[in-house]
Amino acid sequence: MADSWYYAEGGQRRGPFSISELLPLLAGIADPRRVLVRRHGFENWKPAGEVHEITQQLLQSPPPSPASPPVEVIREPAVPAEDAASFNDVQPEMTGISGWLGLLAFGQMIGIVRLVVNTAQYVQSISSETWVQFSIVFWGEIAMNAALIGLAIWTAVLLFMHSRRFPAFFIVQMICAVLMPLIDLVWAASIFSIGLNRPFGDFFTIEPLQVARMVVGAISAAIWISYVLRSRRVANTFTE
């Protein structure tokens, strides 16, 4: 993020801070001009005295009047400017919805739209005669799809709120999306078997295309669940 600032102290990086949080910290240092700072967009660490945003707000304030008491030194400069080379390889922590997390967010929103459209098309495809005869089947399927849509919407809300609960809800959503076709098939086959007094196996059939879609969905879910559990960007972003 452009407003995420870091400064070097005792050989370690401190941050991230907003500019309003960084300025009071620098004000408590004896010679803030020599403190190394960095934000997104900087190629290397820079002494604070060379950064316009800092010098404009902190380091160019008018000198105290002669009657003012001497300022108490709180601590020594964090790191001399001549040691800047040792921090060139230190990178700020990745945060925010970008990179692979941005792709996940895009897929989350597209997935919600696809669920709504598929459900609407499915309802429109049911004939009135079939609906009357097996309405319990269709109401059950509509309820399952509505629950999945609601879960996906709430997960998206947690995503954009940077909520720490997002990873758990996302994992649950992925598992439900993988299991939903199988649960739906068992539900429909059970009701048709009872209603028509025929064996369950006559209706519990899975086409090769359905199997392929389920396998692809399971692989995709495994990849994204692994990313959410292991990504540093995810860990740094969902903290609220």
C-alpha atoms as a PDB file:
ATOM      1  CA  MET A   1       0.000   0.000   0.000  1.00  0.00           C
ATOM      2  CA  ALA A   2       1.310   3.467  -0.869  1.00  0.00           C
ATOM      3  CA  ASP A   3       0.715   4.808   2.644  1.00  0.00           C
ATOM      4  CA  SER A   4       2.530   1.964   4.427  1.00  0.00           C
ATOM      5  CA  TRP A   5       5.815   3.326   5.816  1.00  0.00           C
ATOM      6  CA  TYR A   6       8.706   1.540   7.509  1.00  0.00           C
ATOM      7  CA  TYR A   7      11.769   2.779   9.347  1.00  0.00           C
ATOM      8  CA  ALA A   8      14.967   1.055  10.451  1.00  0.00           C
ATOM      9  CA  GLU A   9      15.829   0.805  14.131  1.00  0.00           C
ATOM     10  CA  GLY A  10      18.561  -1.243  15.753  1.00  0.00           C
ATOM     11  CA  GLY A  11      19.164  -3.210  12.576  1.00  0.00           C
ATOM     12  CA  GLN A  12      15.486  -4.159  12.271  1.00  0.00           C
ATOM     13  CA  ARG A  13      12.596  -2.899  10.178  1.00  0.00           C
ATOM     14  CA  ARG A  14       9.657  -1.307  12.035  1.00  0.00           C
ATOM     15  CA  GLY A  15       6.215  -0.944  10.493  1.00  0.00           C
ATOM     16  CA  PRO A  16       4.036  -0.704   8.609  1.00  0.00           C
ATOM     17  CA  PHE A  17       2.815   2.762   9.705  1.00  0.00           C
ATOM     18  CA  SER A  18       0.743   5.451   8.063  1.00  0.00           C
ATOM     19  CA  ILE A  19       2.509   8.782   7.556  1.00  0.00           C
ATOM     20  CA  SER A  20       0.544  10.245  10.482  1.00  0.00           C
ATOM     21  CA  GLU A  21       1.804   7.419  12.723  1.00  0.00           C
ATOM     22  CA  LEU A  22       5.381   7.632  11.457  1.00  0.00           C
ATOM     23  CA  LEU A  23       5.892  11.365  12.074  1.00  0.00           C
ATOM     24  CA  PRO A  24       5.499  11.257  15.904  1.00  0.00           C
ATOM     25  CA  LEU A  25       7.916   8.325  16.043  1.00  0.00           C
ATOM     26  CA  LEU A  26      10.536  10.242  14.085  1.00  0.00           C
ATOM     27  CA  ALA A  27       9.921  13.348  16.205  1.00  0.00           C
ATOM     28  CA  GLY A  28      11.111  11.415  19.263  1.00  0.00           C
ATOM     29  CA  ILE A  29      14.500  10.670  17.689  1.00  0.00           C
ATOM     30  CA  ALA A  30      17.451  13.001  18.232  1.00  0.00           C
ATOM     31  CA  ASP A  31      18.362  13.340  14.552  1.00  0.00           C
ATOM     32  CA  PRO A  32      15.408  12.122  12.478  1.00  0.00           C
ATOM     33  CA  ARG A  33      17.055  13.243   9.210  1.00  0.00           C
ATOM     34  CA  ARG A  34      19.443  10.281   9.404  1.00  0.00           C
ATOM     35  CA  VAL A  35      16.837   7.619  10.118  1.00  0.00           C
ATOM     36  CA  LEU A  36      16.291   5.259   7.179  1.00  0.00           C
ATOM     37  CA  VAL A  37      12.713   5.068   5.891  1.00  0.00           C
ATOM     38  CA  ARG A  38      10.984   3.251   3.079  1.00  0.00           C
ATOM     39  CA  ARG A  39       7.538   2.846   1.506  1.00  0.00           C
ATOM     40  CA  HIS A  40       6.060   1.146  -1.557  1.00  0.00           C
ATOM     41  CA  GLY A  41       7.591   2.728  -4.644  1.00  0.00           C
ATOM     42  CA  PHE A  42      11.053   3.329  -3.141  1.00  0.00           C
ATOM     43  CA  GLU A  43      13.812   1.345  -4.792  1.00  0.00           C
ATOM     44  CA  ASN A  44      15.988   1.494  -1.661  1.00  0.00           C
ATOM     45  CA  TRP A  45      15.897   2.811   1.905  1.00  0.00           C
ATOM     46  CA  LYS A  46      16.410   6.573   2.196  1.00  0.00           C
ATOM     47  CA  PRO A  47      17.397   8.917   5.031  1.00  0.00           C
ATOM     48  CA  ALA A  48      14.282  10.723   6.249  1.00  0.00           C
ATOM     49  CA  GLY A  49      15.885  14.068   5.391  1.00  0.00           C
ATOM     50  CA  GLU A  50      15.749  13.141   1.693  1.00  0.00           C
ATOM     51  CA  VAL A  51      12.029  12.243   1.675  1.00  0.00           C
ATOM     52  CA  HIS A  52       9.788  15.157   0.682  1.00  0.00           C
ATOM     53  CA  GLU A  53       6.676  13.893   2.491  1.00  0.00           C
ATOM     54  CA  ILE A  54       8.566  13.803   5.787  1.00  0.00           C
ATOM     55  CA  THR A  55      10.669  16.950   5.476  1.00  0.00           C
ATOM     56  CA  GLN A  56       7.617  18.964   4.453  1.00  0.00           C
ATOM     57  CA  GLN A  57       5.622  18.015   7.561  1.00  0.00           C
ATOM     58  CA  LEU A  58       8.241  17.349  10.230  1.00  0.00           C
ATOM     59  CA  LEU A  59      11.785  18.423   9.529  1.00  0.00           C
ATOM     60  CA  GLN A  60      11.146  21.936   8.231  1.00  0.00           C
ATOM     61  CA  SER A  61       9.187  23.187  11.258  1.00  0.00           C
ATOM     62  CA  PRO A  62      10.416  26.568  12.631  1.00  0.00           C
ATOM     63  CA  PRO A  63      13.229  26.368  15.235  1.00  0.00           C
ATOM     64  CA  PRO A  64      12.229  26.799  18.902  1.00  0.00           C
ATOM     65  CA  SER A  65      12.549  30.217  20.471  1.00  0.00           C
ATOM     66  CA  PRO A  66      15.622  30.879  22.747  1.00  0.00           C
ATOM     67  CA  ALA A  67      13.361  30.770  25.815  1.00  0.00           C
ATOM     68  CA  SER A  68      12.149  27.286  24.997  1.00  0.00           C
ATOM     69  CA  PRO A  69      13.592  24.549  27.227  1.00  0.00           C
ATOM     70  CA  PRO A  70      15.991  22.130  25.549  1.00  0.00           C
ATOM     71  CA  VAL A  71      14.350  19.115  23.985  1.00  0.00           C
ATOM     72  CA  GLU A  72      14.991  15.931  25.915  1.00  0.00           C
ATOM     73  CA  VAL A  73      16.684  13.287  23.805  1.00  0.00           C
ATOM     74  CA  ILE A  74      14.564  10.152  23.914  1.00  0.00           C
ATOM     75  CA  ARG A  75      16.829   7.844  21.938  1.00  0.00           C
ATOM     76  CA  GLU A  76      19.692   7.891  19.497  1.00  0.00           C
ATOM     77  CA  PRO A  77      19.196   7.743  15.726  1.00  0.00           C
ATOM     78  CA  ALA A  78      17.975   4.310  14.775  1.00  0.00           C
ATOM     79  CA  VAL A  79      20.472   3.534  11.983  1.00  0.00           C
ATOM     80  CA  PRO A  80      23.116   5.815  10.414  1.00  0.00           C
ATOM     81  CA  ALA A  81      22.578   6.661   6.772  1.00  0.00           C
ATOM     82  CA  GLU A  82      25.893   5.079   5.834  1.00  0.00           C
ATOM     83  CA  ASP A  83      24.444   1.679   6.802  1.00  0.00           C
ATOM     84  CA  ALA A  84      21.662   1.942   4.221  1.00  0.00           C
ATOM     85  CA  ALA A  85      23.218  -0.708   1.990  1.00  0.00           C
ATOM     86  CA  SER A  86      22.509  -3.418   4.554  1.00  0.00           C
ATOM     87  CA  PHE A  87      18.752  -2.759   4.191  1.00  0.00           C
ATOM     88  CA  ASN A  88      18.499  -2.733   0.403  1.00  0.00           C
ATOM     89  CA  ASP A  89      17.255  -6.322   0.310  1.00  0.00           C
ATOM     90  CA  VAL A  90      14.598  -5.799   3.006  1.00  0.00           C
ATOM     91  CA  GLN A  91      11.136  -5.630   1.409  1.00  0.00           C
ATOM     92  CA  PRO A  92       7.913  -4.394   3.052  1.00  0.00           C
ATOM     93  CA  GLU A  93       5.394  -7.047   3.973  1.00  0.00           C
ATOM     94  CA  MET A  94       2.822  -7.761   1.237  1.00  0.00           C
ATOM     95  CA  THR A  95      -0.674  -6.621   2.170  1.00  0.00           C
ATOM     96  CA  GLY A  96      -3.920  -5.708   0.413  1.00  0.00           C
ATOM     97  CA  ILE A  97      -6.124  -7.325  -2.217  1.00  0.00           C
ATOM     98  CA  SER A  98      -3.721  -7.586  -5.132  1.00  0.00           C
ATOM     99  CA  GLY A  99      -1.606 -10.241  -6.809  1.00  0.00           C
ATOM    100  CA  TRP A 100      -3.043 -13.745  -6.401  1.00  0.00           C
ATOM    101  CA  LEU A 101      -5.398 -12.464  -3.721  1.00  0.00           C
ATOM    102  CA  GLY A 102      -6.811 -10.023  -6.267  1.00  0.00           C
ATOM    103  CA  LEU A 103      -7.426 -12.935  -8.634  1.00  0.00           C
ATOM    104  CA  LEU A 104      -9.186 -14.802  -5.816  1.00  0.00           C
ATOM    105  CA  ALA A 105     -11.401 -11.762  -5.145  1.00  0.00           C
ATOM    106  CA  PHE A 106     -12.300 -11.519  -8.842  1.00  0.00           C
ATOM    107  CA  GLY A 107     -13.178 -15.210  -8.941  1.00  0.00           C
ATOM    108  CA  GLN A 108     -15.284 -14.839  -5.808  1.00  0.00           C
ATOM    109  CA  MET A 109     -17.456 -12.151  -7.399  1.00  0.00           C
ATOM    110  CA  ILE A 110     -17.751 -14.000 -10.728  1.00  0.00           C
ATOM    111  CA  GLY A 111     -18.684 -17.152  -8.822  1.00  0.00           C
ATOM    112  CA  ILE A 112     -21.592 -15.406  -7.110  1.00  0.00           C
ATOM    113  CA  VAL A 113     -22.948 -14.162 -10.446  1.00  0.00           C
ATOM    114  CA  ARG A 114     -22.599 -17.626 -11.990  1.00  0.00           C
ATOM    115  CA  LEU A 115     -24.429 -19.270  -9.083  1.00  0.00           C
ATOM    116  CA  VAL A 116     -27.343 -16.834  -9.362  1.00  0.00           C
ATOM    117  CA  VAL A 117     -27.601 -17.220 -13.148  1.00  0.00           C
ATOM    118  CA  ASN A 118     -27.373 -21.035 -13.051  1.00  0.00           C
ATOM    119  CA  THR A 119     -30.037 -21.256 -10.350  1.00  0.00           C
ATOM    120  CA  ALA A 120     -32.398 -18.957 -12.279  1.00  0.00           C
ATOM    121  CA  GLN A 121     -31.906 -20.944 -15.500  1.00  0.00           C
ATOM    122  CA  TYR A 122     -32.495 -24.228 -13.686  1.00  0.00           C
ATOM    123  CA  VAL A 123     -35.788 -23.014 -12.186  1.00  0.00           C
ATOM    124  CA  GLN A 124     -36.990 -21.782 -15.583  1.00  0.00           C
ATOM    125  CA  SER A 125     -36.200 -25.154 -17.176  1.00  0.00           C
ATOM    126  CA  ILE A 126     -38.587 -27.091 -14.894  1.00  0.00           C
ATOM    127  CA  SER A 127     -41.956 -27.822 -16.497  1.00  0.00           C
ATOM    128  CA  SER A 128     -45.077 -27.057 -14.496  1.00  0.00           C
ATOM    129  CA  GLU A 129     -46.185 -30.688 -14.621  1.00  0.00           C
ATOM    130  CA  THR A 130     -42.864 -31.969 -13.252  1.00  0.00           C
ATOM    131  CA  TRP A 131     -42.848 -29.221 -10.639  1.00  0.00           C
ATOM    132  CA  VAL A 132     -46.246 -30.281  -9.291  1.00  0.00           C
ATOM    133  CA  GLN A 133     -45.273 -33.949  -9.124  1.00  0.00           C
ATOM    134  CA  PHE A 134     -41.838 -33.527  -7.547  1.00  0.00           C
ATOM    135  CA  SER A 135     -41.954 -30.059  -5.993  1.00  0.00           C
ATOM    136  CA  ILE A 136     -40.118 -31.258  -2.869  1.00  0.00           C
ATOM    137  CA  VAL A 137     -37.093 -32.162  -5.002  1.00  0.00           C
ATOM    138  CA  PHE A 138     -36.923 -28.764  -6.636  1.00  0.00           C
ATOM    139  CA  TRP A 139     -37.569 -26.803  -3.437  1.00  0.00           C
ATOM    140  CA  GLY A 140     -34.744 -28.718  -1.787  1.00  0.00           C
ATOM    141  CA  GLU A 141     -32.357 -27.962  -4.644  1.00  0.00           C
ATOM    142  CA  ILE A 142     -33.354 -24.290  -4.662  1.00  0.00           C
ATOM    143  CA  ALA A 143     -32.781 -24.110  -0.894  1.00  0.00           C
ATOM    144  CA  MET A 144     -29.301 -25.650  -1.236  1.00  0.00           C
ATOM    145  CA  ASN A 145     -28.339 -23.252  -4.014  1.00  0.00           C
ATOM    146  CA  ALA A 146     -29.707 -20.269  -2.089  1.00  0.00           C
ATOM    147  CA  ALA A 147     -27.672 -21.286   0.963  1.00  0.00           C
ATOM    148  CA  LEU A 148     -24.517 -21.557  -1.147  1.00  0.00           C
ATOM    149  CA  ILE A 149     -25.177 -18.144  -2.735  1.00  0.00           C
ATOM    150  CA  GLY A 150     -25.704 -16.606   0.714  1.00  0.00           C
ATOM    151  CA  LEU A 151     -22.457 -18.159   1.974  1.00  0.00           C
ATOM    152  CA  ALA A 152     -20.558 -16.855  -1.066  1.00  0.00           C
ATOM    153  CA  ILE A 153     -21.940 -13.326  -0.608  1.00  0.00           C
ATOM    154  CA  TRP A 154     -21.062 -13.248   3.099  1.00  0.00           C
ATOM    155  CA  THR A 155     -17.577 -14.573   2.325  1.00  0.00           C
ATOM    156  CA  ALA A 156     -17.129 -11.753  -0.215  1.00  0.00           C
ATOM    157  CA  VAL A 157     -18.191  -9.209   2.425  1.00  0.00           C
ATOM    158  CA  LEU A 158     -15.588 -10.590   4.844  1.00  0.00           C
ATOM    159  CA  LEU A 159     -13.016 -10.474   2.038  1.00  0.00           C
ATOM    160  CA  PHE A 160     -13.443  -6.775   1.341  1.00  0.00           C
ATOM    161  CA  MET A 161     -13.716  -5.959   5.064  1.00  0.00           C
ATOM    162  CA  HIS A 162     -10.291  -7.601   5.560  1.00  0.00           C
ATOM    163  CA  SER A 163     -11.906  -9.675   8.317  1.00  0.00           C
ATOM    164  CA  ARG A 164      -9.813 -12.296  10.072  1.00  0.00           C
ATOM    165  CA  ARG A 165     -12.814 -14.643   9.654  1.00  0.00           C
ATOM    166  CA  PHE A 166     -12.516 -14.643   5.848  1.00  0.00           C
ATOM    167  CA  PRO A 167     -10.074 -17.590   5.493  1.00  0.00           C
ATOM    168  CA  ALA A 168     -12.306 -19.920   7.538  1.00  0.00           C
ATOM    169  CA  PHE A 169     -15.473 -18.975   5.638  1.00  0.00           C
ATOM    170  CA  PHE A 170     -13.666 -19.253   2.305  1.00  0.00           C
ATOM    171  CA  ILE A 171     -12.504 -22.786   3.115  1.00  0.00           C
ATOM    172  CA  VAL A 172     -16.035 -23.801   4.137  1.00  0.00           C
ATOM    173  CA  GLN A 173     -17.398 -22.296   0.910  1.00  0.00           C
ATOM    174  CA  MET A 174     -14.890 -24.227  -1.219  1.00  0.00           C
ATOM    175  CA  ILE A 175     -15.746 -27.517   0.500  1.00  0.00           C
ATOM    176  CA  CYS A 176     -19.499 -26.899   0.095  1.00  0.00           C
ATOM    177  CA  ALA A 177     -19.071 -26.050  -3.589  1.00  0.00           C
ATOM    178  CA  VAL A 178     -17.236 -29.349  -4.175  1.00  0.00           C
ATOM    179  CA  LEU A 179     -19.760 -31.476  -2.263  1.00  0.00           C
ATOM    180  CA  MET A 180     -22.924 -29.713  -3.484  1.00  0.00           C
ATOM    181  CA  PRO A 181     -23.326 -31.642  -6.806  1.00  0.00           C
ATOM    182  CA  LEU A 182     -23.015 -34.982  -5.003  1.00  0.00           C
ATOM    183  CA  ILE A 183     -25.431 -33.962  -2.220  1.00  0.00           C
ATOM    184  CA  ASP A 184     -27.895 -32.677  -4.807  1.00  0.00           C
ATOM    185  CA  LEU A 185     -27.707 -35.947  -6.747  1.00  0.00           C
ATOM    186  CA  VAL A 186     -28.314 -38.042  -3.606  1.00  0.00           C
ATOM    187  CA  TRP A 187     -31.253 -35.828  -2.624  1.00  0.00           C
ATOM    188  CA  ALA A 188     -32.945 -35.994  -6.028  1.00  0.00           C
ATOM    189  CA  ALA A 189     -32.330 -39.745  -6.452  1.00  0.00           C
ATOM    190  CA  SER A 190     -33.803 -40.466  -2.999  1.00  0.00           C
ATOM    191  CA  ILE A 191     -37.008 -38.513  -3.653  1.00  0.00           C
ATOM    192  CA  PHE A 192     -37.494 -39.941  -7.148  1.00  0.00           C
ATOM    193  CA  SER A 193     -36.887 -43.466  -5.829  1.00  0.00           C
ATOM    194  CA  ILE A 194     -39.516 -43.060  -3.109  1.00  0.00           C
ATOM    195  CA  GLY A 195     -42.035 -41.254  -5.310  1.00  0.00           C
ATOM    196  CA  LEU A 196     -41.834 -43.695  -8.215  1.00  0.00           C
ATOM    197  CA  ASN A 197     -41.230 -46.820  -6.088  1.00  0.00           C
ATOM    198  CA  ARG A 198     -38.123 -47.751  -8.007  1.00  0.00           C
ATOM    199  CA  PRO A 199     -34.565 -48.661  -6.881  1.00  0.00           C
ATOM    200  CA  PHE A 200     -32.312 -45.823  -5.749  1.00  0.00           C
ATOM    201  CA  GLY A 201     -29.636 -46.892  -8.225  1.00  0.00           C
ATOM    202  CA  ASP A 202     -31.940 -46.188 -11.174  1.00  0.00           C
ATOM    203  CA  PHE A 203     -31.641 -42.477 -10.440  1.00  0.00           C
ATOM    204  CA  PHE A 204     -28.217 -42.234  -8.820  1.00  0.00           C
ATOM    205  CA  THR A 205     -26.162 -42.051 -11.997  1.00  0.00           C
ATOM    206  CA  ILE A 206     -23.192 -39.764 -12.634  1.00  0.00           C
ATOM    207  CA  GLU A 207     -22.298 -38.847 -16.193  1.00  0.00           C
ATOM    208  CA  PRO A 208     -18.590 -38.679 -17.173  1.00  0.00           C
ATOM    209  CA  LEU A 209     -18.923 -34.926 -17.722  1.00  0.00           C
ATOM    210  CA  GLN A 210     -20.229 -34.512 -14.176  1.00  0.00           C
ATOM    211  CA  VAL A 211     -17.320 -36.534 -12.810  1.00  0.00           C
ATOM    212  CA  ALA A 212     -14.851 -34.387 -14.748  1.00  0.00           C
ATOM    213  CA  ARG A 213     -16.404 -31.185 -13.399  1.00  0.00           C
ATOM    214  CA  MET A 214     -16.302 -32.500  -9.834  1.00  0.00           C
ATOM    215  CA  VAL A 215     -12.629 -33.459 -10.175  1.00  0.00           C
ATOM    216  CA  VAL A 216     -11.714 -30.051 -11.622  1.00  0.00           C
ATOM    217  CA  GLY A 217     -13.671 -28.350  -8.839  1.00  0.00           C
ATOM    218  CA  ALA A 218     -11.899 -30.417  -6.177  1.00  0.00           C
ATOM    219  CA  ILE A 219      -8.456 -29.618  -7.615  1.00  0.00           C
ATOM    220  CA  SER A 220      -9.278 -25.910  -7.847  1.00  0.00           C
ATOM    221  CA  ALA A 221     -10.574 -25.891  -4.267  1.00  0.00           C
ATOM    222  CA  ALA A 222      -7.435 -27.649  -3.000  1.00  0.00           C
ATOM    223  CA  ILE A 223      -5.184 -25.092  -4.716  1.00  0.00           C
ATOM    224  CA  TRP A 224      -7.026 -22.042  -3.359  1.00  0.00           C
ATOM    225  CA  ILE A 225      -7.406 -23.475   0.137  1.00  0.00           C
ATOM    226  CA  SER A 226      -3.666 -24.154   0.219  1.00  0.00           C
ATOM    227  CA  TYR A 227      -2.989 -20.590  -0.943  1.00  0.00           C
ATOM    228  CA  VAL A 228      -5.234 -19.054   1.729  1.00  0.00           C
ATOM    229  CA  LEU A 229      -3.612 -21.139   4.474  1.00  0.00           C
ATOM    230  CA  ARG A 230      -0.003 -20.471   3.438  1.00  0.00           C
ATOM    231  CA  SER A 231       0.048 -17.006   1.837  1.00  0.00           C
ATOM    232  CA  ARG A 232       1.851 -14.217   3.730  1.00  0.00           C
ATOM    233  CA  ARG A 233      -0.317 -11.649   1.927  1.00  0.00           C
ATOM    234  CA  VAL A 234      -3.454 -13.347   3.252  1.00  0.00           C
ATOM    235  CA  ALA A 235      -2.013 -13.465   6.775  1.00  0.00           C
ATOM    236  CA  ASN A 236      -1.060  -9.758   6.635  1.00  0.00           C
ATOM    237  CA  THR A 237      -4.335  -8.582   5.065  1.00  0.00           C
ATOM    238  CA  PHE A 238      -7.034 -10.300   7.108  1.00  0.00           C
ATOM    239  CA  THR A 239      -6.288  -8.969  10.583  1.00  0.00           C
ATOM    240  CA  GLU A 240      -9.351  -6.861  11.499  1.00  0.00           C
END
